[in-house]
Amino acid sequence: MTYEDGSGFGGSGPYGDEGGKPPRKRLALVAGVLVALLLLAGATYAGVRFALSNDEPEAAPPRTTPTQQASQEPGAVPTEPAGTQAPAAPASLAKPVVLEQIKLGQEPEGVAVSPDNRTIYVADQSSRDVHIVDVQSKKISVVKVPNTPRFLALSADGGRLYVSLFENDFTGNGLAVIDTANRSLVKTIRTGPRPFEPAVAPDGKVWVPIHNGARVEIYDDKTLTEAARISVPPNPHWIVFTPDGRTAFTANHESSQISVVSVADRLVRKNFKVGKSPHALAVTPDGKRLVATNYDLDTVEVYDTGDQRLIHKIKVGREPQAVMISGDSRHAYIVNEGSDNLSVIDLSSGKVVSTVGVGDSPRVNALSPDGKRLYVTDGRGKTVTVLRASEE
C-alpha cells in the first residue's frame, strides 16, 4: 500500500528495503494486517452508524404560515386561523337604549352601516346629498348625487354604496354608485320609475325594486349594467335574501303580496297574500323567519321562510315602515312612522316586549354588523337616533 507521497510500510521501495518480491510469510503477514485494519475500520463505521440510527431524531420545527409567524413576533396580536367561525352575535336587548341623536340634513331617509361599524351612510331626501358620518367623531362629509336620494345598500366589503334616486314627480329615476373609500360618485345608472330599497345579493349583484314598473331590475356589480329583470306583482318596495343566497323575497305594496324568487334562475316560484300594504321585509340571521311590516294595517307578520306559513300576526305602532332583526335572531325592531317609536317584538313568542320613542317621523333603521348599535332616521326630525341594541 503506497501513500500519495510514495512511502509504504517499509523503506523507500514499495515493499521495504530489500526490493524485489517480498518473502511469502511477510506477504501473508502484511495481508493479514491489512485485513485486520479494514475489518476494524468497517466495524467502527458500522458501530457509529448503528449508534446514530438508535438515537432519537431531532424534531423538526413546526411549519408556520406567514400570518402565524407574524402573530408569534413579540407584541403581535394573535389572529384566528382561516376558516374559523365568526364570533357569536351579542345578546340583544328587549328594550334598546337611546344614546344620542345626530343632527343631519333636511329629511334623512335611507341608512346603512359600514362592515367595520365605524361609518353610517344616510340619504337626505330633501336635498341631493348622501351624508357620510364617522360614528366616533360625528364628523360628517357629503357626496352630491344627481337627483333626490331615497334608499341605500352597501356591497359586502363596504367599498360601494348604491343609492336609489327619484323625484316626487317620478322623474330622475336612477341608481347612484359611490366609491366609499374615495367618497366620490362613480356612475349613475338609469333605472325604471321609482326605484325603492336596493339590495345586494350574495353574489354581489344589485337587485332594485322598481315600484312603478312592477318588476325587479338586477345590475351587474362589475360592469354596472342591467343583467336581468323579474316581473312581480305591483308594486315592489323591498327585497331581502335568505342567508344561503338561494331565495329572495319582495314586498309588493299595492297588491298586498310577497313574491318568492329563486335566485339561481331568477324565477318567481310563488306569490302569497299578506295583511295589507307590505312595506319592508327582513329575514332572521338563522334563516328561519321572514318578517313583514303591513303599513296600512299597523301590524307585523312573521312567516316560516321554507313554506311561508304564517306564524305570528302582531299589532304594533302606527304605519310600520321598516324592520331590522337582531344578530341573535331573537328580536325584531319595527320603525313606526306614524307614532314616532320602535316596537320591539320577541320573535319566539310573537309579543311586543317594549316600545321605545325616537325622533319625529322615523323612516328606516339599520343595525351595525356587530349587533351593538341601531340607527333610525327621523325624517321630519332631521336627526338619526342612535340606540344601544345589545347587552355588550
Protein backbone atom coordinates (compact mmCIF):
# COMPACT_ATOMS: atom_id res chain seq x y z
CA MET A 1 0.00 0.00 0.00
CA THR A 2 1.50 3.30 -1.00
CA TYR A 3 0.51 6.78 0.16
CA GLU A 4 0.41 9.77 -2.10
CA ASP A 5 3.99 10.77 -1.10
CA GLY A 6 5.34 7.33 -2.26
CA SER A 7 6.03 5.90 1.22
CA GLY A 8 4.77 2.48 2.28
CA PHE A 9 5.10 0.12 5.18
CA GLY A 10 8.88 -0.39 4.62
CA GLY A 11 11.68 1.91 3.41
CA SER A 12 11.90 3.79 0.18
CA GLY A 13 10.74 0.91 -2.06
CA PRO A 14 7.22 -0.20 -2.47
CA TYR A 15 7.67 -3.16 -0.10
CA GLY A 16 10.58 -2.31 2.16
CA ASP A 17 14.33 -2.13 1.94
CA GLU A 18 15.04 -5.39 0.14
CA GLY A 19 13.48 -4.60 -3.16
CA GLY A 20 12.11 -7.28 -5.49
CA LYS A 21 9.37 -9.70 -4.38
CA PRO A 22 8.85 -9.97 -0.64
CA PRO A 23 9.03 -13.41 1.03
CA ARG A 24 5.66 -15.32 1.18
CA LYS A 25 5.43 -15.21 5.03
CA ARG A 26 6.00 -11.49 5.11
CA LEU A 27 3.43 -11.06 2.35
CA ALA A 28 0.93 -13.15 4.27
CA LEU A 29 1.64 -11.14 7.42
CA VAL A 30 1.18 -7.87 5.62
CA ALA A 31 -2.02 -9.14 4.05
CA GLY A 32 -3.31 -10.22 7.44
CA VAL A 33 -2.58 -6.83 8.96
CA LEU A 34 -4.36 -5.11 6.10
CA VAL A 35 -7.46 -7.30 6.50
CA ALA A 36 -7.47 -6.68 10.26
CA LEU A 37 -7.25 -2.93 9.74
CA LEU A 38 -10.03 -2.98 7.18
CA LEU A 39 -12.26 -5.04 9.43
CA LEU A 40 -11.57 -2.74 12.37
CA ALA A 41 -12.36 0.34 10.30
CA GLY A 42 -15.56 -1.24 8.98
CA ALA A 43 -16.68 -2.25 12.43
CA THR A 44 -16.02 1.23 13.75
CA TYR A 45 -18.01 2.79 10.88
CA ALA A 46 -20.83 0.29 11.37
CA GLY A 47 -20.82 0.97 15.08
CA VAL A 48 -21.09 4.71 14.52
CA ARG A 49 -23.96 4.20 12.11
CA PHE A 50 -25.70 1.83 14.50
CA ALA A 51 -25.37 4.28 17.36
CA LEU A 52 -26.73 7.12 15.23
CA SER A 53 -29.63 5.03 13.98
CA ASN A 54 -30.70 4.27 17.53
CA ASP A 55 -30.65 7.93 18.59
CA GLU A 56 -33.98 9.79 18.62
CA PRO A 57 -34.17 12.04 15.55
CA GLU A 58 -34.22 15.73 16.31
CA ALA A 59 -37.76 17.11 15.95
CA ALA A 60 -38.18 19.44 13.01
CA PRO A 61 -39.54 22.86 13.90
CA PRO A 62 -43.27 23.17 13.08
CA ARG A 63 -44.08 24.93 9.83
CA THR A 64 -45.92 28.18 10.23
CA THR A 65 -47.86 30.29 7.80
CA PRO A 66 -46.77 33.93 7.37
CA THR A 67 -49.78 35.01 9.42
CA GLN A 68 -48.95 32.59 12.24
CA GLN A 69 -45.29 33.59 12.13
CA ALA A 70 -46.23 37.26 12.37
CA SER A 71 -48.53 36.55 15.29
CA GLN A 72 -45.62 34.94 17.16
CA GLU A 73 -43.49 38.07 16.96
CA PRO A 74 -43.12 39.92 20.28
CA GLY A 75 -46.09 42.23 20.82
CA ALA A 76 -48.08 40.81 17.89
CA VAL A 77 -51.80 40.19 18.32
CA PRO A 78 -52.70 36.53 17.67
CA THR A 79 -55.02 36.05 14.71
CA GLU A 80 -57.70 33.45 14.14
CA PRO A 81 -56.76 30.80 11.57
CA ALA A 82 -58.63 30.96 8.29
CA GLY A 83 -61.95 29.16 8.22
CA THR A 84 -62.85 29.67 11.87
CA GLN A 85 -66.40 30.65 12.67
CA ALA A 86 -67.33 34.26 13.27
CA PRO A 87 -67.94 35.15 16.90
CA ALA A 88 -71.48 34.69 18.14
CA ALA A 89 -73.77 37.70 17.99
CA PRO A 90 -74.17 39.55 21.29
CA ALA A 91 -77.37 39.07 23.26
CA SER A 92 -79.91 41.59 22.02
CA LEU A 93 -81.85 43.94 24.24
CA ALA A 94 -85.61 43.63 24.60
CA LYS A 95 -85.62 47.39 25.14
CA PRO A 96 -82.86 49.25 23.24
CA VAL A 97 -81.45 52.29 24.98
CA VAL A 98 -81.37 55.68 23.24
CA LEU A 99 -77.82 57.03 23.38
CA GLU A 100 -77.97 60.18 21.27
CA GLN A 101 -79.43 61.92 18.25
CA ILE A 102 -77.22 63.16 15.43
CA LYS A 103 -78.44 66.30 13.70
CA LEU A 104 -78.22 65.72 9.97
CA GLY A 105 -79.58 67.05 6.67
CA GLN A 106 -83.09 68.10 5.76
CA GLU A 107 -85.02 64.81 5.66
CA PRO A 108 -82.94 61.69 6.38
CA GLU A 109 -84.39 58.52 4.86
CA GLY A 110 -82.25 55.52 3.86
CA VAL A 111 -79.43 54.43 6.16
CA ALA A 112 -76.63 51.84 6.03
CA VAL A 113 -73.69 50.91 8.27
CA SER A 114 -70.18 50.01 7.12
CA PRO A 115 -68.88 46.45 7.74
CA ASP A 116 -66.38 47.77 10.32
CA ASN A 117 -69.21 49.53 12.25
CA ARG A 118 -67.33 52.85 12.07
CA THR A 119 -69.34 54.73 9.44
CA ILE A 120 -73.00 55.34 8.71
CA TYR A 121 -74.40 56.49 5.37
CA VAL A 122 -77.62 58.47 5.17
CA ALA A 123 -79.71 59.53 2.17
CA ASP A 124 -81.11 63.07 2.59
CA GLN A 125 -84.49 63.11 0.87
CA SER A 126 -84.95 66.87 0.73
CA SER A 127 -81.61 67.54 -0.92
CA ARG A 128 -79.24 65.82 -3.30
CA ASP A 129 -76.84 64.80 -0.57
CA VAL A 130 -75.63 61.50 0.78
CA HIS A 131 -74.13 62.05 4.23
CA ILE A 132 -71.17 60.03 5.49
CA VAL A 133 -70.90 60.09 9.28
CA ASP A 134 -67.93 58.96 11.37
CA VAL A 135 -69.52 57.16 14.32
CA GLN A 136 -66.85 58.16 16.84
CA SER A 137 -66.06 61.75 15.91
CA LYS A 138 -69.51 62.57 14.43
CA LYS A 139 -67.69 64.30 11.60
CA ILE A 140 -69.93 64.48 8.53
CA SER A 141 -68.94 64.66 4.88
CA VAL A 142 -71.24 64.84 1.86
CA VAL A 143 -71.30 63.25 -1.58
CA LYS A 144 -73.53 65.01 -4.11
CA VAL A 145 -75.78 62.89 -6.35
CA PRO A 146 -77.71 63.99 -9.48
CA ASN A 147 -81.22 63.55 -8.06
CA THR A 148 -83.03 63.04 -4.78
CA PRO A 149 -81.53 60.08 -2.85
CA ARG A 150 -84.02 57.71 -1.25
CA PHE A 151 -82.65 54.36 -0.09
CA LEU A 152 -79.23 52.73 0.32
CA ALA A 153 -77.40 49.41 0.10
CA LEU A 154 -73.73 48.59 0.69
CA SER A 155 -71.62 45.99 -1.04
CA ALA A 156 -70.44 43.18 1.23
CA ASP A 157 -66.94 44.65 1.51
CA GLY A 158 -68.29 48.16 2.07
CA GLY A 159 -66.44 49.52 -0.95
CA ARG A 160 -69.51 50.63 -2.86
CA LEU A 161 -72.68 52.37 -1.80
CA TYR A 162 -75.75 52.02 -4.03
CA VAL A 163 -78.29 54.85 -3.80
CA SER A 164 -81.76 54.81 -5.34
CA LEU A 165 -82.85 58.14 -6.86
CA PHE A 166 -86.13 59.66 -8.00
CA GLU A 167 -88.04 62.91 -7.79
CA ASN A 168 -91.55 63.40 -6.44
CA ASP A 169 -92.88 63.68 -10.00
CA PHE A 170 -91.27 60.28 -10.75
CA THR A 171 -88.53 61.74 -12.94
CA GLY A 172 -84.80 61.44 -12.31
CA ASN A 173 -85.00 57.69 -11.75
CA GLY A 174 -81.65 56.04 -11.22
CA LEU A 175 -79.11 54.21 -9.11
CA ALA A 176 -76.06 56.20 -8.00
CA VAL A 177 -72.88 54.23 -7.32
CA ILE A 178 -70.50 55.78 -4.77
CA ASP A 179 -66.92 54.73 -4.07
CA THR A 180 -66.84 54.84 -0.28
CA ALA A 181 -63.04 54.96 0.02
CA ASN A 182 -62.70 57.98 -2.24
CA ARG A 183 -66.13 59.33 -1.30
CA SER A 184 -66.87 60.03 -4.93
CA LEU A 185 -69.64 59.32 -7.42
CA VAL A 186 -68.60 56.52 -9.79
CA LYS A 187 -71.63 56.31 -12.04
CA THR A 188 -75.35 56.94 -12.22
CA ILE A 189 -77.41 54.19 -13.83
CA ARG A 190 -80.81 54.97 -15.32
CA THR A 191 -83.49 52.68 -13.90
CA GLY A 192 -87.22 52.18 -14.17
CA PRO A 193 -89.65 54.54 -12.39
CA ARG A 194 -89.32 54.96 -8.62
CA PRO A 195 -86.54 52.59 -7.54
CA PHE A 196 -87.02 51.73 -3.89
CA GLU A 197 -84.73 49.94 -1.38
CA PRO A 198 -81.88 48.26 -3.31
CA ALA A 199 -80.37 45.03 -2.03
CA VAL A 200 -77.02 43.39 -2.71
CA ALA A 201 -77.29 39.66 -3.38
CA PRO A 202 -74.70 37.23 -2.00
CA ASP A 203 -73.08 37.10 -5.46
CA GLY A 204 -72.61 40.88 -5.40
CA LYS A 205 -75.27 41.76 -7.95
CA VAL A 206 -77.61 44.62 -7.09
CA TRP A 207 -81.36 43.98 -7.06
CA VAL A 208 -83.54 47.08 -7.34
CA PRO A 209 -87.33 47.01 -6.80
CA ILE A 210 -88.95 49.26 -9.39
CA HIS A 211 -92.09 50.49 -7.69
CA ASN A 212 -93.96 51.89 -10.67
CA GLY A 213 -92.72 49.19 -13.02
CA ALA A 214 -93.91 46.08 -11.12
CA ARG A 215 -90.52 44.49 -11.57
CA VAL A 216 -87.08 43.94 -10.10
CA GLU A 217 -84.06 45.10 -12.09
CA ILE A 218 -80.75 43.32 -11.48
CA TYR A 219 -77.43 45.08 -12.13
CA ASP A 220 -74.01 43.52 -12.57
CA ASP A 221 -71.67 44.86 -9.90
CA LYS A 222 -68.65 44.80 -12.23
CA THR A 223 -70.00 46.30 -15.45
CA LEU A 224 -72.71 48.35 -13.69
CA THR A 225 -75.14 47.44 -16.45
CA GLU A 226 -78.52 45.76 -16.27
CA ALA A 227 -78.25 41.97 -16.25
CA ALA A 228 -81.86 40.81 -15.83
CA ARG A 229 -85.44 41.72 -14.98
CA ILE A 230 -88.04 39.88 -12.95
CA SER A 231 -91.76 40.70 -13.11
CA VAL A 232 -93.55 40.76 -9.75
CA PRO A 233 -97.00 41.95 -8.63
CA PRO A 234 -97.38 45.70 -8.09
CA ASN A 235 -95.57 47.36 -6.55
CA PRO A 236 -92.28 46.19 -5.03
CA HIS A 237 -90.77 48.20 -2.17
CA TRP A 238 -88.25 45.91 -0.50
CA ILE A 239 -86.04 42.89 -1.26
CA VAL A 240 -84.32 40.51 1.16
CA PHE A 241 -82.34 37.29 0.73
CA THR A 242 -82.09 34.15 2.81
CA PRO A 243 -78.61 33.70 4.33
CA ASP A 244 -77.80 30.85 1.93
CA GLY A 245 -78.47 33.18 -1.01
CA ARG A 246 -80.91 30.82 -2.68
CA THR A 247 -84.17 32.71 -2.19
CA ALA A 248 -85.24 36.33 -2.46
CA PHE A 249 -88.46 37.84 -1.15
CA THR A 250 -90.04 41.06 -2.46
CA ALA A 251 -92.63 43.13 -0.60
CA ASN A 252 -95.25 44.15 -3.17
CA HIS A 253 -97.07 47.03 -1.53
CA GLU A 254 -100.16 47.73 -3.63
CA SER A 255 -101.01 44.08 -4.31
CA SER A 256 -100.51 43.05 -0.66
CA GLN A 257 -98.38 40.12 -1.72
CA ILE A 258 -94.88 38.79 -1.18
CA SER A 259 -93.05 37.13 -4.06
CA VAL A 260 -90.74 34.17 -3.51
CA VAL A 261 -87.96 34.26 -6.10
CA SER A 262 -85.37 31.61 -6.92
CA VAL A 263 -82.07 33.47 -7.14
CA ALA A 264 -80.34 30.87 -9.34
CA ASP A 265 -82.80 31.02 -12.24
CA ARG A 266 -84.47 34.32 -11.28
CA LEU A 267 -87.96 32.87 -11.49
CA VAL A 268 -90.89 33.72 -9.24
CA ARG A 269 -91.81 30.45 -7.55
CA LYS A 270 -94.74 31.76 -5.56
CA ASN A 271 -96.76 34.85 -4.67
CA PHE A 272 -98.63 34.76 -1.38
CA LYS A 273 -101.04 37.16 0.27
CA VAL A 274 -100.22 39.09 3.41
CA GLY A 275 -102.19 41.53 5.55
CA LYS A 276 -102.12 44.78 3.61
CA SER A 277 -99.51 47.04 2.03
CA PRO A 278 -96.29 45.22 2.96
CA HIS A 279 -93.62 47.87 3.03
CA ALA A 280 -90.43 46.28 4.37
CA LEU A 281 -89.05 42.79 4.94
CA ALA A 282 -86.31 41.14 6.98
CA VAL A 283 -85.03 37.58 7.31
CA THR A 284 -83.62 36.36 10.60
CA PRO A 285 -79.86 35.65 10.54
CA ASP A 286 -80.58 31.98 11.20
CA GLY A 287 -82.69 31.93 8.01
CA LYS A 288 -85.83 30.55 9.67
CA ARG A 289 -88.20 33.51 9.77
CA LEU A 290 -89.41 36.23 7.40
CA VAL A 291 -90.81 39.40 8.98
CA ALA A 292 -93.08 41.78 7.02
CA THR A 293 -94.49 45.18 8.02
CA ASN A 294 -98.09 45.91 6.98
CA TYR A 295 -98.02 49.67 6.62
CA ASP A 296 -101.79 50.26 6.35
CA LEU A 297 -102.83 47.73 9.00
CA ASP A 298 -100.37 48.67 11.75
CA THR A 299 -99.34 45.04 12.02
CA VAL A 300 -96.31 42.85 11.56
CA GLU A 301 -96.48 39.29 10.25
CA VAL A 302 -93.91 36.55 10.83
CA TYR A 303 -93.64 33.68 8.34
CA ASP A 304 -91.67 30.49 8.02
CA THR A 305 -89.15 31.07 5.23
CA GLY A 306 -89.45 27.49 3.97
CA ASP A 307 -93.17 27.03 3.40
CA GLN A 308 -94.29 30.64 4.01
CA ARG A 309 -96.62 29.51 6.78
CA LEU A 310 -97.92 32.38 8.94
CA ILE A 311 -96.55 32.03 12.48
CA HIS A 312 -97.42 35.32 14.20
CA LYS A 313 -99.53 38.40 13.49
CA ILE A 314 -98.68 41.24 15.85
CA LYS A 315 -100.21 44.66 16.44
CA VAL A 316 -97.57 47.41 16.56
CA GLY A 317 -97.47 51.21 16.31
CA ARG A 318 -98.94 53.31 13.52
CA GLU A 319 -97.65 52.98 9.96
CA PRO A 320 -94.89 50.43 10.50
CA GLN A 321 -92.37 51.18 7.80
CA ALA A 322 -89.05 49.39 8.31
CA VAL A 323 -87.77 46.37 10.21
CA MET A 324 -84.40 45.09 11.38
CA ILE A 325 -83.67 41.85 13.22
CA SER A 326 -81.11 41.42 15.97
CA GLY A 327 -77.96 39.45 15.27
CA ASP A 328 -79.06 36.66 17.63
CA SER A 329 -82.37 36.29 15.70
CA ARG A 330 -84.31 36.95 18.88
CA HIS A 331 -85.84 40.41 18.39
CA ALA A 332 -87.37 42.41 15.55
CA TYR A 333 -87.14 46.19 15.71
CA ILE A 334 -90.04 47.88 13.91
CA VAL A 335 -89.99 51.55 12.88
CA ASN A 336 -93.45 53.07 13.33
CA GLU A 337 -93.53 56.23 11.25
CA GLY A 338 -96.95 57.37 12.44
CA SER A 339 -96.28 57.04 16.17
CA ASP A 340 -92.62 58.12 16.33
CA ASN A 341 -91.38 54.99 18.05
CA LEU A 342 -89.97 51.48 17.76
CA SER A 343 -91.90 48.34 18.58
CA VAL A 344 -89.64 45.53 19.79
CA ILE A 345 -91.00 42.04 19.08
CA ASP A 346 -89.85 38.82 20.70
CA LEU A 347 -89.88 36.52 17.69
CA SER A 348 -90.30 33.33 19.68
CA SER A 349 -93.44 34.46 21.49
CA GLY A 350 -94.75 36.88 18.86
CA LYS A 351 -95.29 39.56 21.51
CA VAL A 352 -94.33 43.24 21.65
CA VAL A 353 -91.96 43.37 24.61
CA SER A 354 -91.20 47.10 24.59
CA THR A 355 -91.83 50.40 22.85
CA VAL A 356 -89.06 52.98 22.52
CA GLY A 357 -89.54 56.59 21.48
CA VAL A 358 -87.33 58.02 18.71
CA GLY A 359 -87.39 61.20 16.62
CA ASP A 360 -90.16 62.79 14.54
CA SER A 361 -91.39 60.64 11.62
CA PRO A 362 -88.91 57.76 11.74
CA ARG A 363 -88.36 56.12 8.35
CA VAL A 364 -85.65 53.46 8.09
CA ASN A 365 -83.39 51.62 10.53
CA ALA A 366 -80.06 49.82 10.23
CA LEU A 367 -78.22 47.56 12.66
CA SER A 368 -74.43 47.67 12.89
CA PRO A 369 -72.82 44.39 11.78
CA ASP A 370 -71.54 43.75 15.32
CA GLY A 371 -75.14 43.94 16.58
CA LYS A 372 -74.40 46.66 19.10
CA ARG A 373 -75.97 49.80 17.60
CA LEU A 374 -79.29 50.50 15.95
CA TYR A 375 -79.64 53.63 13.81
CA VAL A 376 -83.03 55.17 12.97
CA THR A 377 -83.52 58.03 10.51
CA ASP A 378 -86.04 60.63 11.74
CA GLY A 379 -87.36 62.27 8.58
CA ARG A 380 -89.08 65.36 9.92
CA GLY A 381 -86.86 65.44 12.98
CA LYS A 382 -83.77 65.86 10.77
CA THR A 383 -81.86 63.51 13.04
CA VAL A 384 -80.51 59.99 13.30
CA THR A 385 -81.37 58.34 16.60
CA VAL A 386 -78.63 56.04 17.91
CA LEU A 387 -79.64 53.19 20.23
CA ARG A 388 -77.71 50.52 22.09
CA ALA A 389 -79.21 47.23 20.91
CA SER A 390 -77.16 44.64 22.78
CA GLU A 391 -76.01 43.84 26.29
CA GLU A 392 -72.37 44.13 25.11
